[in-house]
Amino acid sequence: MGIPGSGLAKGLAVTLRTMTRKSHTAQYPDAQPELPPRTRGVIGLFEENCTVCMLCARECPDWCIYIDSHKETVPPAAPGGRERSRNVLDRFAIDFALCMYCGICIEVCPFDALFWSPEFEYAEEDIRDLTHERDKLREWMWTVPAPPALDPRAEEPKEIGAARKAADKLAAAEAAEAAAAAEAAQAETERASDTSDGPNGTNASDGPSTSSGADRPNRTDGSDGNGAAT
């Protein structure tokens, strides 16, 4: 059993130690606080990854996520294929007046379309302005911090490897097309040069050379080729 009044003495000791320390005041908003990267400030939407699966809206305990969409028919990628239908996002909104920042919507998203941003300065005078539509949610994506670096010995993600292979394949195809075009241009230049030189390697524009008098045939009127009578 402890000594009577020991708890009170300990509490007074903490108070006395605190009284002798200099207080520290954060000069907000002149000095912004240094928040950890995973601070739950606001939710950003990466619209390109959203497939309108509705998991976030169904799992939200506050029902503060509103999603509207419609279906579009996609023509077949190859002749003889069948048409496919896909969901097109029309509206994605989050009411931060109802949101309790539990992060369930971010955790259940299977396609990484929602992210936490440490930004917290989005207070409004009208509560209706706390409903952020998809354009506003997309702007918050610019404030989402980069993910932490992977372990140097970790395996490369399959998505990055596939993207790198596709980029290398495209670069190789473009290089092959450029080389083929250069060879074709060189061949065309050589062909034009051969045509301008004539079939015997002389310039075709000079025409055939004139024959000398010795090569002229004898005339039948008795004169030689130079007009003198024989």
Protein backbone atom coordinates (compact mmCIF):
# COMPACT_ATOMS: atom_id res chain seq x y z
CA MET A 1 0.00 0.00 0.00
CA GLY A 2 1.41 3.39 -1.01
CA ILE A 3 2.00 6.33 1.26
CA PRO A 4 -1.10 8.49 1.64
CA GLY A 5 -0.83 11.61 -0.49
CA SER A 6 1.97 10.25 -2.72
CA GLY A 7 -0.16 10.66 -5.86
CA LEU A 8 -0.82 14.29 -5.02
CA ALA A 9 2.88 14.89 -4.44
CA LYS A 10 3.78 13.37 -7.80
CA GLY A 11 1.21 15.50 -9.55
CA LEU A 12 2.50 18.67 -7.90
CA ALA A 13 6.06 17.71 -8.89
CA VAL A 14 5.05 17.45 -12.53
CA THR A 15 3.34 20.83 -12.28
CA LEU A 16 6.42 22.44 -10.74
CA ARG A 17 8.73 21.01 -13.41
CA THR A 18 6.45 22.28 -16.15
CA MET A 19 6.27 25.73 -14.63
CA THR A 20 10.03 26.13 -14.85
CA ARG A 21 10.20 25.28 -18.56
CA LYS A 22 9.85 27.79 -21.33
CA SER A 23 6.59 27.44 -23.22
CA HIS A 24 6.65 26.69 -26.92
CA THR A 25 3.99 28.27 -29.11
CA ALA A 26 3.51 27.39 -32.77
CA GLN A 27 3.00 30.65 -34.67
CA TYR A 28 0.25 29.29 -36.94
CA PRO A 29 -0.65 30.29 -39.67
CA ASP A 30 2.62 32.22 -40.15
CA ALA A 31 4.58 29.04 -39.42
CA GLN A 32 3.12 25.91 -41.00
CA PRO A 33 3.24 22.76 -38.89
CA GLU A 34 5.45 19.88 -39.98
CA LEU A 35 2.96 17.06 -40.47
CA PRO A 36 3.89 13.42 -41.05
CA PRO A 37 3.40 12.16 -44.63
CA ARG A 38 0.49 9.89 -43.66
CA THR A 39 -1.55 12.64 -42.02
CA ARG A 40 -5.28 12.26 -42.65
CA GLY A 41 -6.08 15.70 -43.95
CA VAL A 42 -8.20 15.40 -47.09
CA ILE A 43 -8.89 12.69 -49.68
CA GLY A 44 -7.67 13.01 -53.26
CA LEU A 45 -9.18 11.22 -56.26
CA PHE A 46 -7.12 9.75 -59.11
CA GLU A 47 -9.99 9.57 -61.58
CA GLU A 48 -8.18 7.49 -64.22
CA ASN A 49 -7.97 4.52 -61.82
CA CYS A 50 -11.63 4.60 -60.79
CA THR A 51 -13.72 1.80 -62.29
CA VAL A 52 -16.99 2.79 -60.55
CA CYS A 53 -17.01 -0.46 -58.57
CA MET A 54 -18.88 1.39 -55.75
CA LEU A 55 -16.91 -0.37 -53.00
CA CYS A 56 -15.92 2.89 -51.33
CA ALA A 57 -19.50 4.18 -51.27
CA ARG A 58 -20.89 0.90 -49.93
CA GLU A 59 -18.26 0.53 -47.19
CA CYS A 60 -18.40 4.16 -46.02
CA PRO A 61 -19.99 4.11 -42.52
CA ASP A 62 -21.19 7.71 -42.89
CA TRP A 63 -22.55 7.40 -46.44
CA CYS A 64 -20.74 10.59 -47.43
CA ILE A 65 -19.54 9.40 -50.87
CA TYR A 66 -21.78 10.05 -53.86
CA ILE A 67 -21.10 8.33 -57.19
CA ASP A 68 -23.04 8.53 -60.46
CA SER A 69 -22.14 6.70 -63.65
CA HIS A 70 -23.49 5.34 -66.92
CA LYS A 71 -22.58 2.48 -69.24
CA GLU A 72 -21.02 2.83 -72.67
CA THR A 73 -20.56 0.20 -75.35
CA VAL A 74 -17.00 -0.33 -76.50
CA PRO A 75 -16.53 -1.64 -80.06
CA PRO A 76 -14.55 -4.87 -80.48
CA ALA A 77 -10.79 -4.51 -80.53
CA ALA A 78 -10.41 -6.98 -83.42
CA PRO A 79 -12.67 -7.87 -86.32
CA GLY A 80 -15.09 -10.60 -85.38
CA GLY A 81 -14.94 -9.80 -81.66
CA ARG A 82 -17.86 -8.91 -79.47
CA GLU A 83 -18.75 -5.54 -78.04
CA ARG A 84 -18.12 -4.81 -74.39
CA SER A 85 -19.70 -2.39 -71.95
CA ARG A 86 -17.82 -0.28 -69.42
CA ASN A 87 -18.80 2.11 -66.65
CA VAL A 88 -18.12 5.81 -67.19
CA LEU A 89 -17.83 8.05 -64.14
CA ASP A 90 -20.21 11.01 -64.14
CA ARG A 91 -19.92 12.22 -60.55
CA PHE A 92 -17.68 11.47 -57.60
CA ALA A 93 -18.18 13.64 -54.53
CA ILE A 94 -17.24 13.43 -50.84
CA ASP A 95 -19.07 15.37 -48.16
CA PHE A 96 -16.35 16.26 -45.65
CA ALA A 97 -18.98 17.69 -43.32
CA LEU A 98 -20.04 14.07 -42.68
CA CYS A 99 -16.70 12.31 -43.18
CA MET A 100 -15.09 11.00 -39.98
CA TYR A 101 -11.71 10.33 -41.67
CA CYS A 102 -11.70 6.63 -40.93
CA GLY A 103 -9.91 5.83 -44.20
CA ILE A 104 -12.03 2.77 -44.99
CA CYS A 105 -12.76 4.03 -48.52
CA ILE A 106 -9.03 4.28 -49.25
CA GLU A 107 -8.30 0.83 -47.83
CA VAL A 108 -11.05 -0.99 -49.74
CA CYS A 109 -10.36 0.65 -53.12
CA PRO A 110 -8.94 -2.20 -55.25
CA PHE A 111 -7.50 0.08 -57.96
CA ASP A 112 -5.72 2.79 -55.90
CA ALA A 113 -8.01 5.64 -56.90
CA LEU A 114 -8.19 7.34 -53.46
CA PHE A 115 -5.26 8.77 -51.49
CA TRP A 116 -4.68 10.66 -48.28
CA SER A 117 -3.32 14.20 -48.50
CA PRO A 118 -1.91 16.01 -45.45
CA GLU A 119 -3.67 19.26 -46.48
CA PHE A 120 -6.16 20.38 -43.85
CA GLU A 121 -6.83 24.05 -44.66
CA TYR A 122 -10.11 23.76 -46.52
CA ALA A 123 -12.58 25.24 -44.04
CA GLU A 124 -15.63 26.95 -45.57
CA GLU A 125 -18.14 29.50 -44.37
CA ASP A 126 -20.98 27.53 -45.96
CA ILE A 127 -21.29 23.88 -44.97
CA ARG A 128 -22.53 23.03 -48.46
CA ASP A 129 -19.11 23.95 -49.85
CA LEU A 130 -17.55 21.07 -47.91
CA THR A 131 -18.93 18.67 -50.51
CA HIS A 132 -16.00 18.34 -52.90
CA GLU A 133 -16.82 17.23 -56.42
CA ARG A 134 -14.42 15.18 -58.54
CA ASP A 135 -12.68 18.25 -60.01
CA LYS A 136 -11.84 19.48 -56.51
CA LEU A 137 -10.83 15.99 -55.40
CA ARG A 138 -8.53 15.77 -58.43
CA GLU A 139 -6.80 19.00 -57.39
CA TRP A 140 -5.97 17.45 -54.01
CA MET A 141 -3.95 14.77 -55.83
CA TRP A 142 -1.20 17.34 -56.42
CA THR A 143 -0.71 17.57 -52.65
CA VAL A 144 -0.44 13.83 -52.05
CA PRO A 145 3.14 13.00 -50.95
CA ALA A 146 5.17 10.48 -52.90
CA PRO A 147 5.13 6.92 -51.57
CA PRO A 148 8.13 5.82 -49.50
CA ALA A 149 11.04 4.32 -51.38
CA LEU A 150 11.14 0.55 -51.72
CA ASP A 151 13.81 -1.63 -50.22
CA PRO A 152 16.78 -1.68 -52.66
CA ARG A 153 16.67 -5.47 -52.56
CA ALA A 154 12.93 -5.64 -53.18
CA GLU A 155 11.54 -7.09 -56.39
CA GLU A 156 10.48 -4.59 -59.02
CA PRO A 157 6.69 -4.14 -59.25
CA LYS A 158 5.16 -6.05 -62.14
CA GLU A 159 3.40 -2.94 -63.44
CA ILE A 160 6.67 -1.01 -63.75
CA GLY A 161 8.39 -3.97 -65.40
CA ALA A 162 5.59 -4.38 -67.94
CA ALA A 163 5.60 -0.64 -68.69
CA ARG A 164 9.38 -0.67 -69.18
CA LYS A 165 9.21 -3.66 -71.54
CA ALA A 166 6.47 -1.98 -73.58
CA ALA A 167 8.50 1.24 -73.78
CA ASP A 168 11.64 -0.66 -74.86
CA LYS A 169 9.68 -2.55 -77.50
CA LEU A 170 8.19 0.66 -78.87
CA ALA A 171 11.61 2.34 -78.94
CA ALA A 172 13.12 -0.64 -80.79
CA ALA A 173 10.30 -0.57 -83.37
CA GLU A 174 10.78 3.18 -83.93
CA ALA A 175 14.54 2.70 -84.33
CA ALA A 176 13.98 -0.09 -86.88
CA GLU A 177 11.57 2.11 -88.85
CA ALA A 178 14.07 4.99 -88.84
CA ALA A 179 16.88 2.70 -90.04
CA ALA A 180 14.70 1.28 -92.83
CA ALA A 181 13.72 4.79 -93.92
CA ALA A 182 17.38 5.86 -93.98
CA GLU A 183 18.35 2.81 -96.07
CA ALA A 184 15.52 3.49 -98.51
CA ALA A 185 16.58 7.12 -98.88
CA GLN A 186 20.19 6.11 -99.47
CA ALA A 187 19.16 3.55 -102.11
CA GLU A 188 17.01 6.14 -103.86
CA THR A 189 19.95 8.58 -103.90
CA GLU A 190 22.27 5.96 -105.42
CA ARG A 191 19.66 5.03 -108.03
CA ALA A 192 19.24 8.67 -109.06
CA SER A 193 23.02 9.07 -109.33
CA ASP A 194 23.35 6.01 -111.60
CA THR A 195 20.57 7.30 -113.87
CA SER A 196 22.21 10.71 -114.31
CA ASP A 197 25.57 9.15 -115.32
CA GLY A 198 24.08 7.16 -118.26
CA PRO A 199 24.44 3.48 -119.09
CA ASN A 200 28.18 3.61 -119.93
CA GLY A 201 29.20 5.77 -117.00
CA THR A 202 29.31 9.02 -119.08
CA ASN A 203 27.05 11.95 -118.65
CA ALA A 204 23.91 11.34 -120.69
CA SER A 205 23.37 15.06 -121.23
CA ASP A 206 26.51 15.32 -123.36
CA GLY A 207 24.97 13.12 -126.12
CA PRO A 208 26.89 10.85 -128.51
CA SER A 209 30.29 12.07 -129.69
CA THR A 210 30.67 13.28 -133.33
CA SER A 211 32.48 10.91 -135.67
CA SER A 212 35.64 11.95 -137.53
CA GLY A 213 36.01 12.15 -141.31
CA ALA A 214 37.76 8.79 -141.45
CA ASP A 215 34.70 7.13 -140.03
CA ARG A 216 32.32 8.72 -142.55
CA PRO A 217 31.09 6.43 -145.37
CA ASN A 218 32.13 7.07 -149.03
CA ARG A 219 29.64 9.01 -151.09
CA THR A 220 28.28 7.60 -154.32
CA ASP A 221 28.71 10.85 -156.31
CA GLY A 222 32.48 10.34 -156.63
CA SER A 223 33.48 12.80 -153.98
CA ASP A 224 35.06 11.87 -150.74
CA GLY A 225 33.56 12.62 -147.46
CA ASN A 226 35.09 16.11 -147.44
CA GLY A 227 33.46 17.20 -150.74
CA ALA A 228 36.58 16.74 -152.98
CA ALA A 229 36.11 14.88 -156.21
CA THR A 230 37.93 11.60 -156.53
